[in-house]
Each structure stands twice: as C-alpha cells, then as structure tokens.
C-alpha cells in the first residue's frame, strides 16, 4: 500500500523526471542535439583463462525461453535479476562470452521500479519491463568517462526532486545507459521517439542509484556505472536481460 507521503513523492517525481520510465513528452531543452561519439577506451588486459568446468555454457538463472531471446552475436550480457515480482530490489551481473563459456563479473546491488516487474510495461505503471534489450547508447550530466558506446552529455540529464522514499535524486543521471525498450537505437537516451506508442512508456535506463525504487529504470552505484560504461563494447553487441528471478527462469 502506498502511503500519502509516497504518493506525493510519486507525483512530484513524475512531473520532474525526463527518464526512468517517465511518460511525459520531452520539452525542447530535453531534446537531444548531435550525439557525440564515445572516446575509444584503452584496451584492458586480457581476461584470465577460465576452465570449461568453471565457466557455464549457459547463464545461470536464465531459462530456455529467456536464453532463446538473447541474440547469437551478443557476447556481453548484463543480467538484472529482481528479488521478486513485486520487489524493487535486484542484483546486476555482467557476463562475457568466452571460448570456455560465460564468465561472470561481480554482483552489484541494484534498485528497479517501485512495484517490481511487468511483462507488458505501460507508462506510469511503476514496473520495470521484463525482457532482453540492446544497450547501444549512453549519456549523462558528467563528461564521458571513456566509454565505447555513443555518449551524449548535456543538462537534459539533470535530475531534480526527491524519490519515493524522500531521498534526493541529485546525480542520478550523472551517467546513464539507455535500455532499448520502446526507443530508437542509435539516438541520445533523451530522444523521445516511442515506436510502440507513448502509452507503452519509455526512458528506461541503467543509471546511478539514489537509494530508493525507480519509476522503471535499474540503478546501481556510481562506481559500478563507471565500470559498466568502460566495460561495454559495441563490437560485442551488449544486451541487458532483466526481470524478476522467476520470470528469467522461464
């Protein structure tokens, strides 16, 4: 049950936020300009050798239906596993496909939408969309940290106001990665094109955690956002697989 205080925060956030599942039309200052290309990152050291026994051939927690939706050319998969269908708490793990199998990164605590997850996300339902989506574009209020994704920096990523638990939203959009749900890939995360229609929501991002539930996005700590931005490589066709644990196991 949503308390009056939380309902007031919900209304305020819906009027102020440009991303994170916001359903309002973008104002001119929130429309993207030319999207600056990301600065090529310095290649990292090779991943340590992983034995066939240690690296699973499938991604743990993903069932046959979910795995079938992961493109064959996706060699990086960000898995967001929700604690429950109606829970705003989740865990994020980046997997990299190797010759031996899928190599997992460190698990990161995360928040998702206030009311959990949905197979048919709609604008304002306060649930994060379940599914497999591309990760093609990034941006933020702060300068490009060196990602290989296309990066759009601008004041449109300002995040005023407070969240559902009264926490400040300041800095939430310092770094964002657009989830290719109901958006046009290859554009700024601020682009308001909605191929499925405005009623199906949009503006679903991975962004900096503010310590509480989101409208529809997934949020992780700022340091982890930086790590993810530096790790993702368009040549490896990264995708995000997101949903509650029971849905992902289908």
Foldseek 3Di string as FASTA:
>chain_A
DADPLLVVQLVVQLVFDLFQQRLDDDDVQLAADDFAFFAAADDDDDDDDDALVRADQDDPLFAPVQVVQDDPLAQKEWEWAAADQQAQKTKIWIWGQDPSHIDIDDIFIKGFFNREADCQAWRQPRYAYAHKFFFAAKEACADRPRFRHGYGHDPSQARAGAHSVRFGCGQFRRIKIATPQQDDHPGYLSHDHGPVDSGSTGNAIETDDRPDHTSHHMYTHPVVSSVVRRPDDVSSRYMYGYHHSVVSRD
